[in-house]
């Protein structure tokens, strides 16, 4: 196998939700392919639809449940104004608005 083919295979694995590589790069606890994802959504919806009143809501564990999202960097109003003006100067959409 050549380098180009190996790179292409790795690139494909990075987009495949069911691969351990995708799960690791996404910070997931385990891989979950698209079929499993949709099946879990459907199962959750059906079980909760047919549950009796007062029953606790059925909830599955998702791969990203334990993932901690970093807090957004705080930006001062002056920084935001400066960044917005930079964006408007270099953006075709900013030029269309003026």
PDB file of N, CA and C in Angstrom:
ATOM      1  N   UNK A   1       0.857  -1.166   0.000  1.00  0.00           N
ATOM      2  CA  UNK A   1       0.000   0.000   0.000  1.00  0.00           C
ATOM      3  C   UNK A   1       0.908   1.235   0.000  1.00  0.00           C
ATOM      4  N   UNK A   2       0.560   2.178  -0.853  1.00  0.00           N
ATOM      5  CA  UNK A   2       1.340   3.402  -0.935  1.00  0.00           C
ATOM      6  C   UNK A   2       0.866   4.443   0.064  1.00  0.00           C
ATOM      7  N   UNK A   3       1.673   5.503   0.206  1.00  0.00           N
ATOM      8  CA  UNK A   3       1.319   6.580   1.132  1.00  0.00           C
ATOM      9  C   UNK A   3       0.002   7.245   0.763  1.00  0.00           C
ATOM     10  N   UNK A   4      -0.209   7.475  -0.516  1.00  0.00           N
ATOM     11  CA  UNK A   4      -1.427   8.165  -0.958  1.00  0.00           C
ATOM     12  C   UNK A   4      -2.670   7.364  -0.578  1.00  0.00           C
ATOM     13  N   UNK A   5      -2.609   6.049  -0.787  1.00  0.00           N
ATOM     14  CA  UNK A   5      -3.752   5.197  -0.447  1.00  0.00           C
ATOM     15  C   UNK A   5      -3.990   5.183   1.069  1.00  0.00           C
ATOM     16  N   UNK A   6      -2.911   5.132   1.852  1.00  0.00           N
ATOM     17  CA  UNK A   6      -3.038   5.145   3.310  1.00  0.00           C
ATOM     18  C   UNK A   6      -3.652   6.460   3.780  1.00  0.00           C
ATOM     19  N   UNK A   7      -3.231   7.572   3.193  1.00  0.00           N
ATOM     20  CA  UNK A   7      -3.788   8.878   3.548  1.00  0.00           C
ATOM     21  C   UNK A   7      -5.267   8.936   3.193  1.00  0.00           C
ATOM     22  N   UNK A   8      -5.631   8.407   2.024  1.00  0.00           N
ATOM     23  CA  UNK A   8      -7.041   8.392   1.621  1.00  0.00           C
ATOM     24  C   UNK A   8      -7.882   7.550   2.576  1.00  0.00           C
ATOM     25  N   UNK A   9      -7.350   6.412   3.019  1.00  0.00           N
ATOM     26  CA  UNK A   9      -8.087   5.551   3.946  1.00  0.00           C
ATOM     27  C   UNK A   9      -8.274   6.232   5.305  1.00  0.00           C
ATOM     28  N   UNK A  10      -7.248   6.908   5.785  1.00  0.00           N
ATOM     29  CA  UNK A  10      -7.355   7.616   7.062  1.00  0.00           C
ATOM     30  C   UNK A  10      -8.355   8.764   6.945  1.00  0.00           C
ATOM     31  N   UNK A  11      -8.322   9.470   5.826  1.00  0.00           N
ATOM     32  CA  UNK A  11      -9.281  10.561   5.611  1.00  0.00           C
ATOM     33  C   UNK A  11     -10.710  10.027   5.628  1.00  0.00           C
ATOM     34  N   UNK A  12     -10.917   8.855   5.059  1.00  0.00           N
ATOM     35  CA  UNK A  12     -12.251   8.248   5.064  1.00  0.00           C
ATOM     36  C   UNK A  12     -12.659   7.848   6.479  1.00  0.00           C
ATOM     37  N   UNK A  13     -11.733   7.291   7.244  1.00  0.00           N
ATOM     38  CA  UNK A  13     -12.042   6.896   8.624  1.00  0.00           C
ATOM     39  C   UNK A  13     -12.384   8.105   9.493  1.00  0.00           C
ATOM     40  N   UNK A  14     -11.780   9.257   9.194  1.00  0.00           N
ATOM     41  CA  UNK A  14     -12.067  10.469   9.972  1.00  0.00           C
ATOM     42  C   UNK A  14     -13.505  10.921   9.808  1.00  0.00           C
ATOM     43  N   UNK A  15     -14.158  10.558   8.708  1.00  0.00           N
ATOM     44  CA  UNK A  15     -15.541  10.974   8.471  1.00  0.00           C
ATOM     45  C   UNK A  15     -16.552   9.884   8.802  1.00  0.00           C
ATOM     46  N   UNK A  16     -16.084   8.703   9.119  1.00  0.00           N
ATOM     47  CA  UNK A  16     -16.965   7.577   9.406  1.00  0.00           C
ATOM     48  C   UNK A  16     -17.305   7.556  10.893  1.00  0.00           C
ATOM     49  N   UNK A  17     -18.553   7.915  11.245  1.00  0.00           N
ATOM     50  CA  UNK A  17     -18.952   8.037  12.644  1.00  0.00           C
ATOM     51  C   UNK A  17     -18.762   6.754  13.450  1.00  0.00           C
ATOM     52  N   UNK A  18     -18.804   5.614  12.813  1.00  0.00           N
ATOM     53  CA  UNK A  18     -18.676   4.342  13.514  1.00  0.00           C
ATOM     54  C   UNK A  18     -17.245   3.927  13.774  1.00  0.00           C
ATOM     55  N   UNK A  19     -16.274   4.730  13.345  1.00  0.00           N
ATOM     56  CA  UNK A  19     -14.872   4.343  13.538  1.00  0.00           C
ATOM     57  C   UNK A  19     -14.344   4.864  14.874  1.00  0.00           C
ATOM     58  N   UNK A  20     -13.398   4.141  15.423  1.00  0.00           N
ATOM     59  CA  UNK A  20     -12.774   4.572  16.673  1.00  0.00           C
ATOM     60  C   UNK A  20     -11.979   5.859  16.463  1.00  0.00           C
ATOM     61  N   UNK A  21     -11.437   6.050  15.265  1.00  0.00           N
ATOM     62  CA  UNK A  21     -10.694   7.270  14.964  1.00  0.00           C
ATOM     63  C   UNK A  21     -11.614   8.492  15.045  1.00  0.00           C
ATOM     64  N   UNK A  22     -12.800   8.400  14.432  1.00  0.00           N
ATOM     65  CA  UNK A  22     -13.765   9.504  14.481  1.00  0.00           C
ATOM     66  C   UNK A  22     -14.167   9.779  15.928  1.00  0.00           C
ATOM     67  N   UNK A  23     -14.466   8.728  16.683  1.00  0.00           N
ATOM     68  CA  UNK A  23     -14.887   8.905  18.077  1.00  0.00           C
ATOM     69  C   UNK A  23     -13.786   9.573  18.892  1.00  0.00           C
ATOM     70  N   UNK A  24     -12.552   9.148  18.685  1.00  0.00           N
ATOM     71  CA  UNK A  24     -11.432   9.718  19.422  1.00  0.00           C
ATOM     72  C   UNK A  24     -11.220  11.183  19.054  1.00  0.00           C
ATOM     73  N   UNK A  25     -11.308  11.508  17.771  1.00  0.00           N
ATOM     74  CA  UNK A  25     -11.097  12.881  17.329  1.00  0.00           C
ATOM     75  C   UNK A  25     -12.243  13.798  17.760  1.00  0.00           C
ATOM     76  N   UNK A  26     -13.433  13.238  17.939  1.00  0.00           N
ATOM     77  CA  UNK A  26     -14.601  14.024  18.344  1.00  0.00           C
ATOM     78  C   UNK A  26     -14.740  14.118  19.857  1.00  0.00           C
ATOM     79  N   UNK A  27     -13.914  13.362  20.584  1.00  0.00           N
ATOM     80  CA  UNK A  27     -14.003  13.372  22.036  1.00  0.00           C
ATOM     81  C   UNK A  27     -15.134  12.508  22.564  1.00  0.00           C
ATOM     82  N   UNK A  28     -15.616  11.581  21.741  1.00  0.00           N
ATOM     83  CA  UNK A  28     -16.709  10.705  22.152  1.00  0.00           C
ATOM     84  C   UNK A  28     -16.180   9.581  23.033  1.00  0.00           C
ATOM     85  N   UNK A  29     -17.033   9.053  23.884  1.00  0.00           N
ATOM     86  CA  UNK A  29     -16.664   7.935  24.745  1.00  0.00           C
ATOM     87  C   UNK A  29     -16.590   6.620  23.967  1.00  0.00           C
ATOM     88  N   UNK A  30     -17.377   6.501  22.911  1.00  0.00           N
ATOM     89  CA  UNK A  30     -17.387   5.292  22.083  1.00  0.00           C
ATOM     90  C   UNK A  30     -17.891   5.646  20.693  1.00  0.00           C
ATOM     91  N   UNK A  31     -17.548   4.827  19.681  1.00  0.00           N
ATOM     92  CA  UNK A  31     -18.045   5.117  18.329  1.00  0.00           C
ATOM     93  C   UNK A  31     -19.508   4.749  18.188  1.00  0.00           C
ATOM     94  N   UNK A  32     -20.207   5.467  17.334  1.00  0.00           N
ATOM     95  CA  UNK A  32     -21.609   5.170  17.049  1.00  0.00           C
ATOM     96  C   UNK A  32     -21.861   5.525  15.591  1.00  0.00           C
ATOM     97  N   UNK A  33     -22.185   4.518  14.795  1.00  0.00           N
ATOM     98  CA  UNK A  33     -22.417   4.788  13.371  1.00  0.00           C
ATOM     99  C   UNK A  33     -23.776   5.446  13.168  1.00  0.00           C
ATOM    100  N   UNK A  34     -24.008   5.917  11.960  1.00  0.00           N
ATOM    101  CA  UNK A  34     -25.247   6.650  11.668  1.00  0.00           C
ATOM    102  C   UNK A  34     -26.484   5.778  11.869  1.00  0.00           C
ATOM    103  N   UNK A  35     -26.396   4.513  11.494  1.00  0.00           N
ATOM    104  CA  UNK A  35     -27.552   3.617  11.655  1.00  0.00           C
ATOM    105  C   UNK A  35     -27.881   3.431  13.132  1.00  0.00           C
ATOM    106  N   UNK A  36     -26.847   3.243  13.954  1.00  0.00           N
ATOM    107  CA  UNK A  36     -27.059   3.105  15.390  1.00  0.00           C
ATOM    108  C   UNK A  36     -27.613   4.376  16.003  1.00  0.00           C
ATOM    109  N   UNK A  37     -27.137   5.502  15.514  1.00  0.00           N
ATOM    110  CA  UNK A  37     -27.612   6.801  15.996  1.00  0.00           C
ATOM    111  C   UNK A  37     -29.104   6.955  15.714  1.00  0.00           C
ATOM    112  N   UNK A  38     -29.511   6.689  14.474  1.00  0.00           N
ATOM    113  CA  UNK A  38     -30.927   6.837  14.117  1.00  0.00           C
ATOM    114  C   UNK A  38     -31.801   5.790  14.803  1.00  0.00           C
ATOM    115  N   UNK A  39     -31.276   4.596  14.965  1.00  0.00           N
ATOM    116  CA  UNK A  39     -32.025   3.552  15.670  1.00  0.00           C
ATOM    117  C   UNK A  39     -32.243   3.940  17.133  1.00  0.00           C
ATOM    118  N   UNK A  40     -31.212   4.487  17.766  1.00  0.00           N
ATOM    119  CA  UNK A  40     -31.331   4.912  19.164  1.00  0.00           C
ATOM    120  C   UNK A  40     -32.334   6.054  19.302  1.00  0.00           C
ATOM    121  N   UNK A  41     -32.306   6.987  18.359  1.00  0.00           N
ATOM    122  CA  UNK A  41     -33.291   8.073  18.387  1.00  0.00           C
ATOM    123  C   UNK A  41     -34.712   7.543  18.256  1.00  0.00           C
ATOM    124  N   UNK A  42     -34.916   6.619  17.326  1.00  0.00           N
ATOM    125  CA  UNK A  42     -36.240   6.038  17.111  1.00  0.00           C
ATOM    126  C   UNK A  42     -36.693   5.251  18.330  1.00  0.00           C
ATOM    127  N   UNK A  43     -35.801   4.450  18.904  1.00  0.00           N
ATOM    128  CA  UNK A  43     -36.144   3.670  20.094  1.00  0.00           C
ATOM    129  C   UNK A  43     -36.549   4.586  21.239  1.00  0.00           C
ATOM    130  N   UNK A  44     -35.790   5.637  21.459  1.00  0.00           N
ATOM    131  CA  UNK A  44     -36.102   6.584  22.531  1.00  0.00           C
ATOM    132  C   UNK A  44     -37.473   7.212  22.311  1.00  0.00           C
ATOM    133  N   UNK A  45     -37.738   7.620  21.077  1.00  0.00           N
ATOM    134  CA  UNK A  45     -39.015   8.270  20.746  1.00  0.00           C
ATOM    135  C   UNK A  45     -40.202   7.314  20.970  1.00  0.00           C
ATOM    136  N   UNK A  46     -40.071   6.075  20.507  1.00  0.00           N
ATOM    137  CA  UNK A  46     -41.160   5.100  20.619  1.00  0.00           C
ATOM    138  C   UNK A  46     -41.405   4.720  22.079  1.00  0.00           C
ATOM    139  N   UNK A  47     -40.332   4.419  22.819  1.00  0.00           N
ATOM    140  CA  UNK A  47     -40.494   4.018  24.219  1.00  0.00           C
ATOM    141  C   UNK A  47     -41.149   5.141  25.014  1.00  0.00           C
ATOM    142  N   UNK A  48     -40.726   6.379  24.790  1.00  0.00           N
ATOM    143  CA  UNK A  48     -41.322   7.510  25.518  1.00  0.00           C
ATOM    144  C   UNK A  48     -42.756   7.786  25.066  1.00  0.00           C
ATOM    145  N   UNK A  49     -43.072   7.509  23.800  1.00  0.00           N
ATOM    146  CA  UNK A  49     -44.436   7.727  23.308  1.00  0.00           C
ATOM    147  C   UNK A  49     -45.421   6.749  23.946  1.00  0.00           C
ATOM    148  N   UNK A  50     -44.974   5.526  24.202  1.00  0.00           N
ATOM    149  CA  UNK A  50     -45.862   4.509  24.760  1.00  0.00           C
ATOM    150  C   UNK A  50     -45.733   4.360  26.272  1.00  0.00           C
ATOM    151  N   UNK A  51     -44.946   5.197  26.909  1.00  0.00           N
ATOM    152  CA  UNK A  51     -44.783   5.113  28.362  1.00  0.00           C
ATOM    153  C   UNK A  51     -46.036   5.623  29.054  1.00  0.00           C
ATOM    154  N   UNK A  52     -46.296   5.101  30.228  1.00  0.00           N
ATOM    155  CA  UNK A  52     -47.439   5.552  31.028  1.00  0.00           C
ATOM    156  C   UNK A  52     -47.107   6.890  31.672  1.00  0.00           C
ATOM    157  N   UNK A  53     -48.167   7.613  31.994  1.00  0.00           N
ATOM    158  CA  UNK A  53     -47.950   8.897  32.667  1.00  0.00           C
ATOM    159  C   UNK A  53     -47.247   8.647  33.995  1.00  0.00           C
ATOM    160  N   UNK A  54     -46.299   9.508  34.286  1.00  0.00           N
ATOM    161  CA  UNK A  54     -45.570   9.390  35.547  1.00  0.00           C
ATOM    162  C   UNK A  54     -44.330   8.532  35.449  1.00  0.00           C
ATOM    163  N   UNK A  55     -44.194   7.749  34.375  1.00  0.00           N
ATOM    164  CA  UNK A  55     -42.975   6.951  34.202  1.00  0.00           C
ATOM    165  C   UNK A  55     -41.809   7.878  33.916  1.00  0.00           C
ATOM    166  N   UNK A  56     -40.621   7.530  34.410  1.00  0.00           N
ATOM    167  CA  UNK A  56     -39.467   8.372  34.091  1.00  0.00           C
ATOM    168  C   UNK A  56     -39.170   8.309  32.589  1.00  0.00           C
ATOM    169  N   UNK A  57     -38.661   9.388  32.067  1.00  0.00           N
ATOM    170  CA  UNK A  57     -38.368   9.450  30.637  1.00  0.00           C
ATOM    171  C   UNK A  57     -37.221   8.492  30.307  1.00  0.00           C
ATOM    172  N   UNK A  58     -37.410   7.720  29.256  1.00  0.00           N
ATOM    173  CA  UNK A  58     -36.389   6.788  28.789  1.00  0.00           C
ATOM    174  C   UNK A  58     -35.297   7.591  28.103  1.00  0.00           C
ATOM    175  N   UNK A  59     -34.046   7.347  28.508  1.00  0.00           N
ATOM    176  CA  UNK A  59     -32.937   8.087  27.931  1.00  0.00           C
ATOM    177  C   UNK A  59     -31.743   7.157  27.791  1.00  0.00           C
ATOM    178  N   UNK A  60     -31.184   7.122  26.590  1.00  0.00           N
ATOM    179  CA  UNK A  60     -29.982   6.335  26.340  1.00  0.00           C
ATOM    180  C   UNK A  60     -28.747   7.185  26.582  1.00  0.00           C
ATOM    181  N   UNK A  61     -27.629   6.513  26.819  1.00  0.00           N
ATOM    182  CA  UNK A  61     -26.380   7.251  26.950  1.00  0.00           C
ATOM    183  C   UNK A  61     -25.809   7.494  25.560  1.00  0.00           C
ATOM    184  N   UNK A  62     -25.476   8.733  25.274  1.00  0.00           N
ATOM    185  CA  UNK A  62     -24.892   9.088  23.992  1.00  0.00           C
ATOM    186  C   UNK A  62     -23.380   9.192  24.138  1.00  0.00           C
ATOM    187  N   UNK A  63     -22.652   9.009  23.043  1.00  0.00           N
ATOM    188  CA  UNK A  63     -21.180   9.034  23.137  1.00  0.00           C
ATOM    189  C   UNK A  63     -20.626  10.357  23.639  1.00  0.00           C
ATOM    190  N   UNK A  64     -21.361  11.428  23.454  1.00  0.00           N
ATOM    191  CA  UNK A  64     -20.848  12.753  23.809  1.00  0.00           C
ATOM    192  C   UNK A  64     -21.373  13.255  25.137  1.00  0.00           C
ATOM    193  N   UNK A  65     -22.120  12.443  25.878  1.00  0.00           N
ATOM    194  CA  UNK A  65     -22.694  12.889  27.150  1.00  0.00           C
ATOM    195  C   UNK A  65     -21.643  13.369  28.145  1.00  0.00           C
ATOM    196  N   UNK A  66     -20.493  12.720  28.180  1.00  0.00           N
ATOM    197  CA  UNK A  66     -19.465  13.059  29.160  1.00  0.00           C
ATOM    198  C   UNK A  66     -18.460  14.081  28.632  1.00  0.00           C
ATOM    199  N   UNK A  67     -18.665  14.540  27.406  1.00  0.00           N
ATOM    200  CA  UNK A  67     -17.724  15.480  26.800  1.00  0.00           C
ATOM    201  C   UNK A  67     -17.944  16.863  27.394  1.00  0.00           C
ATOM    202  N   UNK A  68     -16.889  17.441  27.888  1.00  0.00           N
ATOM    203  CA  UNK A  68     -16.958  18.790  28.455  1.00  0.00           C
ATOM    204  C   UNK A  68     -16.589  19.785  27.363  1.00  0.00           C
ATOM    205  N   UNK A  69     -17.493  20.694  27.052  1.00  0.00           N
ATOM    206  CA  UNK A  69     -17.203  21.697  26.041  1.00  0.00           C
ATOM    207  C   UNK A  69     -16.487  22.865  26.709  1.00  0.00           C
ATOM    208  N   UNK A  70     -15.408  23.312  26.089  1.00  0.00           N
ATOM    209  CA  UNK A  70     -14.680  24.425  26.695  1.00  0.00           C
ATOM    210  C   UNK A  70     -15.506  25.705  26.639  1.00  0.00           C
ATOM    211  N   UNK A  71     -15.324  26.542  27.636  1.00  0.00           N
ATOM    212  CA  UNK A  71     -16.047  27.806  27.659  1.00  0.00           C
ATOM    213  C   UNK A  71     -15.494  28.728  26.586  1.00  0.00           C
ATOM    214  N   UNK A  72     -16.369  29.527  26.019  1.00  0.00           N
ATOM    215  CA  UNK A  72     -15.954  30.469  24.981  1.00  0.00           C
ATOM    216  C   UNK A  72     -15.051  31.534  25.589  1.00  0.00           C
ATOM    217  N   UNK A  73     -14.087  31.946  24.790  1.00  0.00           N
ATOM    218  CA  UNK A  73     -13.176  32.997  25.229  1.00  0.00           C
ATOM    219  C   UNK A  73     -13.950  34.305  25.373  1.00  0.00           C
ATOM    220  N   UNK A  74     -13.700  35.010  26.457  1.00  0.00           N
ATOM    221  CA  UNK A  74     -14.393  36.269  26.705  1.00  0.00           C
ATOM    222  C   UNK A  74     -13.803  37.366  25.813  1.00  0.00           C
ATOM    223  N   UNK A  75     -14.673  38.130  25.180  1.00  0.00           N
ATOM    224  CA  UNK A  75     -14.262  39.200  24.276  1.00  0.00           C
ATOM    225  C   UNK A  75     -14.861  40.507  24.786  1.00  0.00           C
ATOM    226  N   UNK A  76     -14.024  41.518  24.870  1.00  0.00           N
ATOM    227  CA  UNK A  76     -14.514  42.830  25.312  1.00  0.00           C
ATOM    228  C   UNK A  76     -15.293  43.475  24.168  1.00  0.00           C
ATOM    229  N   UNK A  77     -16.167  44.424  24.470  1.00  0.00           N
ATOM    230  CA  UNK A  77     -16.915  45.106  23.396  1.00  0.00           C
ATOM    231  C   UNK A  77     -15.992  45.784  22.382  1.00  0.00           C
ATOM    232  N   UNK A  78     -14.865  46.318  22.842  1.00  0.00           N
ATOM    233  CA  UNK A  78     -13.923  46.962  21.928  1.00  0.00           C
ATOM    234  C   UNK A  78     -13.306  45.939  20.965  1.00  0.00           C
ATOM    235  N   UNK A  79     -12.924  44.778  21.519  1.00  0.00           N
ATOM    236  CA  UNK A  79     -12.365  43.723  20.670  1.00  0.00           C
ATOM    237  C   UNK A  79     -13.394  43.244  19.655  1.00  0.00           C
ATOM    238  N   UNK A  80     -14.637  43.097  20.105  1.00  0.00           N
ATOM    239  CA  UNK A  80     -15.696  42.645  19.205  1.00  0.00           C
ATOM    240  C   UNK A  80     -15.908  43.652  18.069  1.00  0.00           C
ATOM    241  N   UNK A  81     -15.906  44.929  18.406  1.00  0.00           N
ATOM    242  CA  UNK A  81     -16.085  45.962  17.384  1.00  0.00           C
ATOM    243  C   UNK A  81     -14.931  45.940  16.383  1.00  0.00           C
ATOM    244  N   UNK A  82     -13.707  45.791  16.888  1.00  0.00           N
ATOM    245  CA  UNK A  82     -12.536  45.739  16.016  1.00  0.00           C
ATOM    246  C   UNK A  82     -12.593  44.514  15.103  1.00  0.00           C
ATOM    247  N   UNK A  83     -12.922  43.368  15.660  1.00  0.00           N
ATOM    248  CA  UNK A  83     -13.004  42.136  14.869  1.00  0.00           C
ATOM    249  C   UNK A  83     -14.123  42.208  13.837  1.00  0.00           C
ATOM    250  N   UNK A  84     -15.246  42.804  14.214  1.00  0.00           N
ATOM    251  CA  UNK A  84     -16.360  42.967  13.272  1.00  0.00           C
ATOM    252  C   UNK A  84     -15.963  43.864  12.116  1.00  0.00           C
ATOM    253  N   UNK A  85     -15.251  44.941  12.407  1.00  0.00           N
ATOM    254  CA  UNK A  85     -14.819  45.834  11.317  1.00  0.00           C
ATOM    255  C   UNK A  85     -13.818  45.131  10.413  1.00  0.00           C
ATOM    256  N   UNK A  86     -12.922  44.319  10.984  1.00  0.00           N
ATOM    257  CA  UNK A  86     -11.980  43.547  10.166  1.00  0.00           C
ATOM    258  C   UNK A  86     -12.729  42.576   9.260  1.00  0.00           C
ATOM    259  N   UNK A  87     -13.726  41.908   9.809  1.00  0.00           N
ATOM    260  CA  UNK A  87     -14.508  40.955   9.030  1.00  0.00           C
ATOM    261  C   UNK A  87     -15.240  41.660   7.897  1.00  0.00           C
ATOM    262  N   UNK A  88     -15.843  42.799   8.194  1.00  0.00           N
ATOM    263  CA  UNK A  88     -16.572  43.540   7.167  1.00  0.00           C
ATOM    264  C   UNK A  88     -15.654  44.047   6.061  1.00  0.00           C
ATOM    265  N   UNK A  89     -14.424  44.392   6.396  1.00  0.00           N
ATOM    266  CA  UNK A  89     -13.476  44.869   5.398  1.00  0.00           C
ATOM    267  C   UNK A  89     -13.028  43.757   4.462  1.00  0.00           C
ATOM    268  N   UNK A  90     -12.892  42.549   4.984  1.00  0.00           N
ATOM    269  CA  UNK A  90     -12.357  41.458   4.163  1.00  0.00           C
ATOM    270  C   UNK A  90     -13.436  40.524   3.625  1.00  0.00           C
ATOM    271  N   UNK A  91     -14.682  40.767   3.963  1.00  0.00           N
ATOM    272  CA  UNK A  91     -15.766  39.877   3.564  1.00  0.00           C
ATOM    273  C   UNK A  91     -16.565  40.475   2.409  1.00  0.00           C
ATOM    274  N   UNK A  92     -16.858  39.640   1.426  1.00  0.00           N
ATOM    275  CA  UNK A  92     -17.710  40.086   0.326  1.00  0.00           C
ATOM    276  C   UNK A  92     -19.100  40.427   0.839  1.00  0.00           C
ATOM    277  N   UNK A  93     -19.566  39.710   1.834  1.00  0.00           N
ATOM    278  CA  UNK A  93     -20.889  39.981   2.390  1.00  0.00           C
ATOM    279  C   UNK A  93     -20.900  41.320   3.118  1.00  0.00           C
ATOM    280  N   UNK A  94     -19.807  41.672   3.794  1.00  0.00           N
ATOM    281  CA  UNK A  94     -19.719  42.963   4.449  1.00  0.00           C
ATOM    282  C   UNK A  94     -19.755  44.096   3.459  1.00  0.00           C
ATOM    283  N   UNK A  95     -19.146  43.886   2.296  1.00  0.00           N
ATOM    284  CA  UNK A  95     -19.137  44.916   1.261  1.00  0.00           C
ATOM    285  C   UNK A  95     -20.518  45.058   0.621  1.00  0.00           C
ATOM    286  N   UNK A  96     -21.269  43.989   0.578  1.00  0.00           N
ATOM    287  CA  UNK A  96     -22.624  44.053   0.002  1.00  0.00           C
ATOM    288  C   UNK A  96     -23.571  44.827   0.906  1.00  0.00           C
ATOM    289  N   UNK A  97     -23.354  44.793   2.203  1.00  0.00           N
ATOM    290  CA  UNK A  97     -24.246  45.468   3.160  1.00  0.00           C
ATOM    291  C   UNK A  97     -24.067  46.975   3.124  1.00  0.00           C
ATOM    292  N   UNK A  98     -22.891  47.450   2.737  1.00  0.00           N
ATOM    293  CA  UNK A  98     -22.635  48.895   2.790  1.00  0.00           C
ATOM    294  C   UNK A  98     -23.080  49.585   1.537  1.00  0.00           C
TER     295      UNK A  98
END
